[in-house]
């Protein structure tokens, strides 16, 4: 899986180099197991911030100008899935181009 992730990040870096006039927002997300705001604030927002920052740092290593990049942790505030069998989708990083 690490190899796959590295290959994916290399592809993202190539795409970002094609769109040099865009800035990039990297947002980390997490799944709230307990359903409490306390978990979201104390655990998930810091976890999702770390996820996003890790991707930012890897993109910088791949040659993307750090000035173009921002990272943000959204915790469990924007879930994709509520179904118990698909909650893994909430544990993710999204990369968005901003003009």
PDB file of N, CA and C in Angstrom:
ATOM      1  N   UNK A   1       0.819  -1.199   0.000  1.00  0.00           N
ATOM      2  CA  UNK A   1       0.000   0.000   0.000  1.00  0.00           C
ATOM      3  C   UNK A   1       0.863   1.264   0.000  1.00  0.00           C
ATOM      4  N   UNK A   2       2.013   1.215   0.666  1.00  0.00           N
ATOM      5  CA  UNK A   2       2.894   2.383   0.678  1.00  0.00           C
ATOM      6  C   UNK A   2       3.372   2.700  -0.738  1.00  0.00           C
ATOM      7  N   UNK A   3       3.736   1.686  -1.486  1.00  0.00           N
ATOM      8  CA  UNK A   3       4.175   1.889  -2.864  1.00  0.00           C
ATOM      9  C   UNK A   3       3.058   2.535  -3.682  1.00  0.00           C
ATOM     10  N   UNK A   4       1.842   2.024  -3.530  1.00  0.00           N
ATOM     11  CA  UNK A   4       0.699   2.598  -4.243  1.00  0.00           C
ATOM     12  C   UNK A   4       0.508   4.064  -3.874  1.00  0.00           C
ATOM     13  N   UNK A   5       0.598   4.383  -2.585  1.00  0.00           N
ATOM     14  CA  UNK A   5       0.441   5.771  -2.143  1.00  0.00           C
ATOM     15  C   UNK A   5       1.537   6.664  -2.719  1.00  0.00           C
ATOM     16  N   UNK A   6       2.758   6.177  -2.741  1.00  0.00           N
ATOM     17  CA  UNK A   6       3.861   6.956  -3.306  1.00  0.00           C
ATOM     18  C   UNK A   6       3.662   7.198  -4.796  1.00  0.00           C
ATOM     19  N   UNK A   7       3.190   6.177  -5.506  1.00  0.00           N
ATOM     20  CA  UNK A   7       2.911   6.339  -6.931  1.00  0.00           C
ATOM     21  C   UNK A   7       1.790   7.350  -7.155  1.00  0.00           C
ATOM     22  N   UNK A   8       0.774   7.289  -6.315  1.00  0.00           N
ATOM     23  CA  UNK A   8      -0.337   8.231  -6.424  1.00  0.00           C
ATOM     24  C   UNK A   8       0.125   9.659  -6.160  1.00  0.00           C
ATOM     25  N   UNK A   9       0.948   9.853  -5.141  1.00  0.00           N
ATOM     26  CA  UNK A   9       1.465  11.196  -4.849  1.00  0.00           C
ATOM     27  C   UNK A   9       2.352  11.708  -5.984  1.00  0.00           C
ATOM     28  N   UNK A  10       3.112  10.833  -6.603  1.00  0.00           N
ATOM     29  CA  UNK A  10       3.924  11.243  -7.748  1.00  0.00           C
ATOM     30  C   UNK A  10       3.037  11.699  -8.899  1.00  0.00           C
ATOM     31  N   UNK A  11       1.935  11.011  -9.126  1.00  0.00           N
ATOM     32  CA  UNK A  11       0.992  11.424 -10.168  1.00  0.00           C
ATOM     33  C   UNK A  11       0.369  12.775  -9.831  1.00  0.00           C
ATOM     34  N   UNK A  12       0.001  12.963  -8.573  1.00  0.00           N
ATOM     35  CA  UNK A  12      -0.575  14.242  -8.138  1.00  0.00           C
ATOM     36  C   UNK A  12       0.435  15.363  -8.367  1.00  0.00           C
ATOM     37  N   UNK A  13       1.694  15.124  -8.014  1.00  0.00           N
ATOM     38  CA  UNK A  13       2.730  16.146  -8.210  1.00  0.00           C
ATOM     39  C   UNK A  13       2.876  16.505  -9.683  1.00  0.00           C
ATOM     40  N   UNK A  14       2.841  15.510 -10.560  1.00  0.00           N
ATOM     41  CA  UNK A  14       2.925  15.785 -12.001  1.00  0.00           C
ATOM     42  C   UNK A  14       1.746  16.648 -12.460  1.00  0.00           C
ATOM     43  N   UNK A  15       0.566  16.338 -11.983  1.00  0.00           N
ATOM     44  CA  UNK A  15      -0.613  17.130 -12.350  1.00  0.00           C
ATOM     45  C   UNK A  15      -0.495  18.551 -11.812  1.00  0.00           C
ATOM     46  N   UNK A  16      -0.058  18.684 -10.559  1.00  0.00           N
ATOM     47  CA  UNK A  16       0.079  20.017  -9.976  1.00  0.00           C
ATOM     48  C   UNK A  16       1.110  20.852 -10.729  1.00  0.00           C
ATOM     49  N   UNK A  17       2.138  20.214 -11.262  1.00  0.00           N
ATOM     50  CA  UNK A  17       3.133  20.941 -12.052  1.00  0.00           C
ATOM     51  C   UNK A  17       2.559  21.417 -13.383  1.00  0.00           C
ATOM     52  N   UNK A  18       1.497  20.773 -13.860  1.00  0.00           N
ATOM     53  CA  UNK A  18       0.826  21.225 -15.081  1.00  0.00           C
ATOM     54  C   UNK A  18      -0.055  22.444 -14.824  1.00  0.00           C
ATOM     55  N   UNK A  19      -0.439  22.656 -13.590  1.00  0.00           N
ATOM     56  CA  UNK A  19      -1.339  23.750 -13.210  1.00  0.00           C
ATOM     57  C   UNK A  19      -0.642  24.660 -12.202  1.00  0.00           C
ATOM     58  N   UNK A  20       0.498  25.199 -12.615  1.00  0.00           N
ATOM     59  CA  UNK A  20       1.337  25.992 -11.707  1.00  0.00           C
ATOM     60  C   UNK A  20       0.682  27.281 -11.228  1.00  0.00           C
ATOM     61  N   UNK A  21      -0.335  27.762 -11.932  1.00  0.00           N
ATOM     62  CA  UNK A  21      -0.982  28.995 -11.507  1.00  0.00           C
ATOM     63  C   UNK A  21      -2.115  28.752 -10.503  1.00  0.00           C
ATOM     64  N   UNK A  22      -2.281  27.504 -10.077  1.00  0.00           N
ATOM     65  CA  UNK A  22      -3.279  27.157  -9.072  1.00  0.00           C
ATOM     66  C   UNK A  22      -2.604  26.943  -7.722  1.00  0.00           C
ATOM     67  N   UNK A  23      -3.293  27.347  -6.675  1.00  0.00           N
ATOM     68  CA  UNK A  23      -2.890  26.980  -5.328  1.00  0.00           C
ATOM     69  C   UNK A  23      -3.609  25.689  -4.971  1.00  0.00           C
ATOM     70  N   UNK A  24      -3.151  25.052  -3.914  1.00  0.00           N
ATOM     71  CA  UNK A  24      -3.658  23.733  -3.572  1.00  0.00           C
ATOM     72  C   UNK A  24      -4.047  23.708  -2.097  1.00  0.00           C
ATOM     73  N   UNK A  25      -5.290  23.272  -1.825  1.00  0.00           N
ATOM     74  CA  UNK A  25      -5.723  23.056  -0.447  1.00  0.00           C
ATOM     75  C   UNK A  25      -5.786  21.558  -0.202  1.00  0.00           C
ATOM     76  N   UNK A  26      -5.084  21.124   0.830  1.00  0.00           N
ATOM     77  CA  UNK A  26      -5.057  19.721   1.211  1.00  0.00           C
ATOM     78  C   UNK A  26      -5.844  19.614   2.507  1.00  0.00           C
ATOM     79  N   UNK A  27      -6.935  18.863   2.475  1.00  0.00           N
ATOM     80  CA  UNK A  27      -7.771  18.738   3.672  1.00  0.00           C
ATOM     81  C   UNK A  27      -7.783  17.297   4.152  1.00  0.00           C
ATOM     82  N   UNK A  28      -7.538  17.152   5.443  1.00  0.00           N
ATOM     83  CA  UNK A  28      -7.581  15.841   6.077  1.00  0.00           C
ATOM     84  C   UNK A  28      -8.937  15.629   6.733  1.00  0.00           C
ATOM     85  N   UNK A  29      -9.394  14.391   6.724  1.00  0.00           N
ATOM     86  CA  UNK A  29     -10.695  14.035   7.289  1.00  0.00           C
ATOM     87  C   UNK A  29     -10.542  12.784   8.150  1.00  0.00           C
ATOM     88  N   UNK A  30     -11.499  12.576   9.052  1.00  0.00           N
ATOM     89  CA  UNK A  30     -11.450  11.429   9.957  1.00  0.00           C
ATOM     90  C   UNK A  30     -12.867  10.948  10.229  1.00  0.00           C
ATOM     91  N   UNK A  31     -12.968   9.778  10.831  1.00  0.00           N
ATOM     92  CA  UNK A  31     -14.272   9.195  11.172  1.00  0.00           C
ATOM     93  C   UNK A  31     -14.487   9.259  12.677  1.00  0.00           C
ATOM     94  N   UNK A  32     -15.615   9.790  13.074  1.00  0.00           N
ATOM     95  CA  UNK A  32     -15.955   9.922  14.492  1.00  0.00           C
ATOM     96  C   UNK A  32     -16.614   8.638  14.975  1.00  0.00           C
ATOM     97  N   UNK A  33     -15.874   7.874  15.752  1.00  0.00           N
ATOM     98  CA  UNK A  33     -16.359   6.582  16.230  1.00  0.00           C
ATOM     99  C   UNK A  33     -17.410   6.765  17.324  1.00  0.00           C
ATOM    100  N   UNK A  34     -17.159   7.678  18.252  1.00  0.00           N
ATOM    101  CA  UNK A  34     -18.066   7.853  19.387  1.00  0.00           C
ATOM    102  C   UNK A  34     -19.255   8.748  19.060  1.00  0.00           C
ATOM    103  N   UNK A  35     -19.122   9.558  18.016  1.00  0.00           N
ATOM    104  CA  UNK A  35     -20.191  10.481  17.683  1.00  0.00           C
ATOM    105  C   UNK A  35     -20.212  11.740  18.524  1.00  0.00           C
ATOM    106  N   UNK A  36     -19.174  11.948  19.321  1.00  0.00           N
ATOM    107  CA  UNK A  36     -19.160  13.115  20.210  1.00  0.00           C
ATOM    108  C   UNK A  36     -18.306  14.240  19.624  1.00  0.00           C
ATOM    109  N   UNK A  37     -18.681  15.453  19.950  1.00  0.00           N
ATOM    110  CA  UNK A  37     -17.899  16.612  19.538  1.00  0.00           C
ATOM    111  C   UNK A  37     -16.552  16.624  20.269  1.00  0.00           C
ATOM    112  N   UNK A  38     -16.527  16.099  21.482  1.00  0.00           N
ATOM    113  CA  UNK A  38     -15.273  16.018  22.245  1.00  0.00           C
ATOM    114  C   UNK A  38     -14.224  15.203  21.487  1.00  0.00           C
ATOM    115  N   UNK A  39     -14.625  14.061  20.941  1.00  0.00           N
ATOM    116  CA  UNK A  39     -13.704  13.246  20.150  1.00  0.00           C
ATOM    117  C   UNK A  39     -13.243  14.019  18.924  1.00  0.00           C
ATOM    118  N   UNK A  40     -14.174  14.702  18.272  1.00  0.00           N
ATOM    119  CA  UNK A  40     -13.834  15.462  17.080  1.00  0.00           C
ATOM    120  C   UNK A  40     -12.793  16.531  17.394  1.00  0.00           C
ATOM    121  N   UNK A  41     -13.020  17.291  18.441  1.00  0.00           N
ATOM    122  CA  UNK A  41     -12.117  18.401  18.786  1.00  0.00           C
ATOM    123  C   UNK A  41     -10.773  17.903  19.309  1.00  0.00           C
ATOM    124  N   UNK A  42     -10.808  16.959  20.236  1.00  0.00           N
ATOM    125  CA  UNK A  42      -9.585  16.544  20.929  1.00  0.00           C
ATOM    126  C   UNK A  42      -8.738  15.546  20.150  1.00  0.00           C
ATOM    127  N   UNK A  43      -9.367  14.742  19.291  1.00  0.00           N
ATOM    128  CA  UNK A  43      -8.624  13.693  18.609  1.00  0.00           C
ATOM    129  C   UNK A  43      -8.646  13.816  17.084  1.00  0.00           C
ATOM    130  N   UNK A  44      -9.830  14.026  16.538  1.00  0.00           N
ATOM    131  CA  UNK A  44      -9.971  13.907  15.087  1.00  0.00           C
ATOM    132  C   UNK A  44      -9.470  15.121  14.319  1.00  0.00           C
ATOM    133  N   UNK A  45      -9.702  16.306  14.835  1.00  0.00           N
ATOM    134  CA  UNK A  45      -9.165  17.484  14.137  1.00  0.00           C
ATOM    135  C   UNK A  45      -7.640  17.447  14.132  1.00  0.00           C
ATOM    136  N   UNK A  46      -6.981  17.197  15.291  1.00  0.00           N
ATOM    137  CA  UNK A  46      -5.510  17.076  15.235  1.00  0.00           C
ATOM    138  C   UNK A  46      -5.037  15.936  14.323  1.00  0.00           C
ATOM    139  N   UNK A  47      -5.725  14.793  14.341  1.00  0.00           N
ATOM    140  CA  UNK A  47      -5.360  13.669  13.475  1.00  0.00           C
ATOM    141  C   UNK A  47      -5.490  14.056  12.008  1.00  0.00           C
ATOM    142  N   UNK A  48      -6.593  14.692  11.655  1.00  0.00           N
ATOM    143  CA  UNK A  48      -6.802  15.060  10.260  1.00  0.00           C
ATOM    144  C   UNK A  48      -5.849  16.166   9.823  1.00  0.00           C
ATOM    145  N   UNK A  49      -5.483  17.062  10.744  1.00  0.00           N
ATOM    146  CA  UNK A  49      -4.463  18.076  10.437  1.00  0.00           C
ATOM    147  C   UNK A  49      -3.131  17.400  10.144  1.00  0.00           C
ATOM    148  N   UNK A  50      -2.779  16.407  10.930  1.00  0.00           N
ATOM    149  CA  UNK A  50      -1.524  15.678  10.710  1.00  0.00           C
ATOM    150  C   UNK A  50      -1.547  14.944   9.372  1.00  0.00           C
ATOM    151  N   UNK A  51      -2.681  14.360   9.015  1.00  0.00           N
ATOM    152  CA  UNK A  51      -2.800  13.682   7.713  1.00  0.00           C
ATOM    153  C   UNK A  51      -2.543  14.662   6.570  1.00  0.00           C
ATOM    154  N   UNK A  52      -3.199  15.804   6.638  1.00  0.00           N
ATOM    155  CA  UNK A  52      -3.055  16.792   5.568  1.00  0.00           C
ATOM    156  C   UNK A  52      -1.630  17.327   5.507  1.00  0.00           C
ATOM    157  N   UNK A  53      -1.031  17.598   6.654  1.00  0.00           N
ATOM    158  CA  UNK A  53       0.334  18.134   6.702  1.00  0.00           C
ATOM    159  C   UNK A  53       1.339  17.113   6.153  1.00  0.00           C
ATOM    160  N   UNK A  54       1.106  15.843   6.422  1.00  0.00           N
ATOM    161  CA  UNK A  54       1.987  14.796   5.895  1.00  0.00           C
ATOM    162  C   UNK A  54       1.969  14.805   4.370  1.00  0.00           C
ATOM    163  N   UNK A  55       0.792  14.922   3.780  1.00  0.00           N
ATOM    164  CA  UNK A  55       0.688  14.967   2.317  1.00  0.00           C
ATOM    165  C   UNK A  55       1.347  16.235   1.785  1.00  0.00           C
ATOM    166  N   UNK A  56       1.121  17.362   2.449  1.00  0.00           N
ATOM    167  CA  UNK A  56       1.775  18.617   2.050  1.00  0.00           C
ATOM    168  C   UNK A  56       3.288  18.424   2.019  1.00  0.00           C
ATOM    169  N   UNK A  57       3.847  17.861   3.083  1.00  0.00           N
ATOM    170  CA  UNK A  57       5.306  17.664   3.158  1.00  0.00           C
ATOM    171  C   UNK A  57       5.807  16.730   2.063  1.00  0.00           C
ATOM    172  N   UNK A  58       5.042  15.690   1.753  1.00  0.00           N
ATOM    173  CA  UNK A  58       5.446  14.764   0.693  1.00  0.00           C
ATOM    174  C   UNK A  58       5.417  15.458  -0.667  1.00  0.00           C
ATOM    175  N   UNK A  59       4.425  16.312  -0.909  1.00  0.00           N
ATOM    176  CA  UNK A  59       4.369  17.036  -2.179  1.00  0.00           C
ATOM    177  C   UNK A  59       5.529  18.015  -2.314  1.00  0.00           C
ATOM    178  N   UNK A  60       5.926  18.624  -1.208  1.00  0.00           N
ATOM    179  CA  UNK A  60       7.093  19.516  -1.234  1.00  0.00           C
ATOM    180  C   UNK A  60       8.337  18.703  -1.602  1.00  0.00           C
ATOM    181  N   UNK A  61       8.486  17.512  -1.023  1.00  0.00           N
ATOM    182  CA  UNK A  61       9.619  16.644  -1.357  1.00  0.00           C
ATOM    183  C   UNK A  61       9.628  16.278  -2.838  1.00  0.00           C
ATOM    184  N   UNK A  62       8.439  16.253  -3.440  1.00  0.00           N
ATOM    185  CA  UNK A  62       8.313  15.917  -4.859  1.00  0.00           C
ATOM    186  C   UNK A  62       8.429  17.141  -5.758  1.00  0.00           C
ATOM    187  N   UNK A  63       8.784  18.285  -5.169  1.00  0.00           N
ATOM    188  CA  UNK A  63       9.082  19.467  -5.970  1.00  0.00           C
ATOM    189  C   UNK A  63       7.985  20.498  -6.091  1.00  0.00           C
ATOM    190  N   UNK A  64       6.894  20.350  -5.386  1.00  0.00           N
ATOM    191  CA  UNK A  64       5.825  21.346  -5.429  1.00  0.00           C
ATOM    192  C   UNK A  64       6.195  22.493  -4.490  1.00  0.00           C
ATOM    193  N   UNK A  65       6.080  23.718  -4.974  1.00  0.00           N
ATOM    194  CA  UNK A  65       6.414  24.907  -4.189  1.00  0.00           C
ATOM    195  C   UNK A  65       5.494  25.012  -2.983  1.00  0.00           C
ATOM    196  N   UNK A  66       6.083  25.019  -1.798  1.00  0.00           N
ATOM    197  CA  UNK A  66       5.312  25.043  -0.555  1.00  0.00           C
ATOM    198  C   UNK A  66       4.402  26.272  -0.453  1.00  0.00           C
ATOM    199  N   UNK A  67       4.777  27.356  -1.126  1.00  0.00           N
ATOM    200  CA  UNK A  67       3.952  28.571  -1.085  1.00  0.00           C
ATOM    201  C   UNK A  67       2.586  28.358  -1.736  1.00  0.00           C
ATOM    202  N   UNK A  68       2.472  27.365  -2.590  1.00  0.00           N
ATOM    203  CA  UNK A  68       1.197  27.056  -3.257  1.00  0.00           C
ATOM    204  C   UNK A  68       0.283  26.209  -2.394  1.00  0.00           C
ATOM    205  N   UNK A  69       0.822  25.621  -1.335  1.00  0.00           N
ATOM    206  CA  UNK A  69       0.110  24.598  -0.583  1.00  0.00           C
ATOM    207  C   UNK A  69      -0.387  25.090   0.770  1.00  0.00           C
ATOM    208  N   UNK A  70      -1.607  24.710   1.117  1.00  0.00           N
ATOM    209  CA  UNK A  70      -2.123  24.898   2.473  1.00  0.00           C
ATOM    210  C   UNK A  70      -2.724  23.577   2.918  1.00  0.00           C
ATOM    211  N   UNK A  71      -2.694  23.353   4.213  1.00  0.00           N
ATOM    212  CA  UNK A  71      -3.302  22.139   4.745  1.00  0.00           C
ATOM    213  C   UNK A  71      -4.257  22.515   5.868  1.00  0.00           C
ATOM    214  N   UNK A  72      -5.314  21.722   5.985  1.00  0.00           N
ATOM    215  CA  UNK A  72      -6.327  21.964   7.005  1.00  0.00           C
ATOM    216  C   UNK A  72      -6.880  20.623   7.478  1.00  0.00           C
ATOM    217  N   UNK A  73      -7.153  20.544   8.762  1.00  0.00           N
ATOM    218  CA  UNK A  73      -7.783  19.355   9.331  1.00  0.00           C
ATOM    219  C   UNK A  73      -9.246  19.631   9.587  1.00  0.00           C
ATOM    220  N   UNK A  74     -10.098  18.823   9.004  1.00  0.00           N
ATOM    221  CA  UNK A  74     -11.541  19.028   9.152  1.00  0.00           C
ATOM    222  C   UNK A  74     -12.186  18.025  10.097  1.00  0.00           C
ATOM    223  N   UNK A  75     -11.376  17.156  10.671  1.00  0.00           N
ATOM    224  CA  UNK A  75     -11.929  16.183  11.612  1.00  0.00           C
ATOM    225  C   UNK A  75     -13.022  15.364  10.963  1.00  0.00           C
ATOM    226  N   UNK A  76     -14.142  15.229  11.678  1.00  0.00           N
ATOM    227  CA  UNK A  76     -15.269  14.445  11.165  1.00  0.00           C
ATOM    228  C   UNK A  76     -16.398  15.339  10.665  1.00  0.00           C
ATOM    229  N   UNK A  77     -16.089  16.598  10.367  1.00  0.00           N
ATOM    230  CA  UNK A  77     -17.117  17.567  10.005  1.00  0.00           C
ATOM    231  C   UNK A  77     -17.713  17.382   8.610  1.00  0.00           C
ATOM    232  N   UNK A  78     -17.040  16.642   7.715  1.00  0.00           N
ATOM    233  CA  UNK A  78     -17.537  16.456   6.348  1.00  0.00           C
ATOM    234  C   UNK A  78     -17.493  14.980   5.953  1.00  0.00           C
ATOM    235  N   UNK A  79     -18.308  14.148   6.611  1.00  0.00           N
ATOM    236  CA  UNK A  79     -18.272  12.712   6.293  1.00  0.00           C
ATOM    237  C   UNK A  79     -18.834  12.418   4.910  1.00  0.00           C
ATOM    238  N   UNK A  80     -18.265  11.420   4.267  1.00  0.00           N
ATOM    239  CA  UNK A  80     -18.793  10.932   2.993  1.00  0.00           C
ATOM    240  C   UNK A  80     -19.773   9.791   3.218  1.00  0.00           C
ATOM    241  N   UNK A  81     -19.563   9.018   4.271  1.00  0.00           N
ATOM    242  CA  UNK A  81     -20.367   7.816   4.493  1.00  0.00           C
ATOM    243  C   UNK A  81     -20.892   7.759   5.921  1.00  0.00           C
ATOM    244  N   UNK A  82     -22.121   7.324   6.048  1.00  0.00           N
ATOM    245  CA  UNK A  82     -22.726   7.077   7.357  1.00  0.00           C
ATOM    246  C   UNK A  82     -22.907   5.579   7.599  1.00  0.00           C
ATOM    247  N   UNK A  83     -22.988   4.822   6.501  1.00  0.00           N
ATOM    248  CA  UNK A  83     -23.157   3.384   6.571  1.00  0.00           C
ATOM    249  C   UNK A  83     -21.945   2.759   7.262  1.00  0.00           C
ATOM    250  N   UNK A  84     -22.176   1.945   8.266  1.00  0.00           N
ATOM    251  CA  UNK A  84     -21.097   1.353   9.067  1.00  0.00           C
ATOM    252  C   UNK A  84     -20.079   0.589   8.218  1.00  0.00           C
ATOM    253  N   UNK A  85     -20.515   0.032   7.092  1.00  0.00           N
ATOM    254  CA  UNK A  85     -19.602  -0.722   6.230  1.00  0.00           C
ATOM    255  C   UNK A  85     -18.733   0.170   5.350  1.00  0.00           C
ATOM    256  N   UNK A  86     -19.023   1.462   5.311  1.00  0.00           N
ATOM    257  CA  UNK A  86     -18.294   2.366   4.426  1.00  0.00           C
ATOM    258  C   UNK A  86     -17.625   3.519   5.171  1.00  0.00           C
ATOM    259  N   UNK A  87     -17.549   3.439   6.490  1.00  0.00           N
ATOM    260  CA  UNK A  87     -16.977   4.559   7.250  1.00  0.00           C
ATOM    261  C   UNK A  87     -15.502   4.789   6.940  1.00  0.00           C
ATOM    262  N   UNK A  88     -14.837   3.811   6.344  1.00  0.00           N
ATOM    263  CA  UNK A  88     -13.436   3.991   5.946  1.00  0.00           C
ATOM    264  C   UNK A  88     -13.311   5.159   4.982  1.00  0.00           C
ATOM    265  N   UNK A  89     -14.368   5.472   4.230  1.00  0.00           N
ATOM    266  CA  UNK A  89     -14.334   6.584   3.281  1.00  0.00           C
ATOM    267  C   UNK A  89     -14.166   7.933   3.987  1.00  0.00           C
ATOM    268  N   UNK A  90     -14.504   7.978   5.257  1.00  0.00           N
ATOM    269  CA  UNK A  90     -14.371   9.227   6.010  1.00  0.00           C
ATOM    270  C   UNK A  90     -12.926   9.490   6.427  1.00  0.00           C
ATOM    271  N   UNK A  91     -12.100   8.474   6.373  1.00  0.00           N
ATOM    272  CA  UNK A  91     -10.673   8.602   6.702  1.00  0.00           C
ATOM    273  C   UNK A  91      -9.920   8.845   5.405  1.00  0.00           C
ATOM    274  N   UNK A  92      -9.717  10.128   5.091  1.00  0.00           N
ATOM    275  CA  UNK A  92      -9.184  10.442   3.767  1.00  0.00           C
ATOM    276  C   UNK A  92      -8.468  11.785   3.771  1.00  0.00           C
ATOM    277  N   UNK A  93      -7.804  12.042   2.652  1.00  0.00           N
ATOM    278  CA  UNK A  93      -7.221  13.355   2.364  1.00  0.00           C
ATOM    279  C   UNK A  93      -7.737  13.762   0.995  1.00  0.00           C
ATOM    280  N   UNK A  94      -8.184  15.002   0.902  1.00  0.00           N
ATOM    281  CA  UNK A  94      -8.653  15.556  -0.371  1.00  0.00           C
ATOM    282  C   UNK A  94      -7.691  16.647  -0.807  1.00  0.00           C
ATOM    283  N   UNK A  95      -7.453  16.713  -2.104  1.00  0.00           N
ATOM    284  CA  UNK A  95      -6.572  17.736  -2.688  1.00  0.00           C
ATOM    285  C   UNK A  95      -7.400  18.544  -3.670  1.00  0.00           C
ATOM    286  N   UNK A  96      -7.532  19.836  -3.400  1.00  0.00           N
ATOM    287  CA  UNK A  96      -8.356  20.708  -4.233  1.00  0.00           C
ATOM    288  C   UNK A  96      -7.533  21.839  -4.821  1.00  0.00           C
ATOM    289  N   UNK A  97      -7.702  22.041  -6.132  1.00  0.00           N
ATOM    290  CA  UNK A  97      -7.040  23.161  -6.799  1.00  0.00           C
ATOM    291  C   UNK A  97      -7.855  24.432  -6.583  1.00  0.00           C
ATOM    292  N   UNK A  98      -7.161  25.526  -6.289  1.00  0.00           N
ATOM    293  CA  UNK A  98      -7.800  26.822  -6.071  1.00  0.00           C
ATOM    294  C   UNK A  98      -7.170  27.838  -7.000  1.00  0.00           C
ATOM    295  N   UNK A  99      -7.984  28.484  -7.823  1.00  0.00           N
ATOM    296  CA  UNK A  99      -7.464  29.495  -8.772  1.00  0.00           C
ATOM    297  C   UNK A  99      -7.275  30.815  -8.048  1.00  0.00           C
TER     298      UNK A  99
END
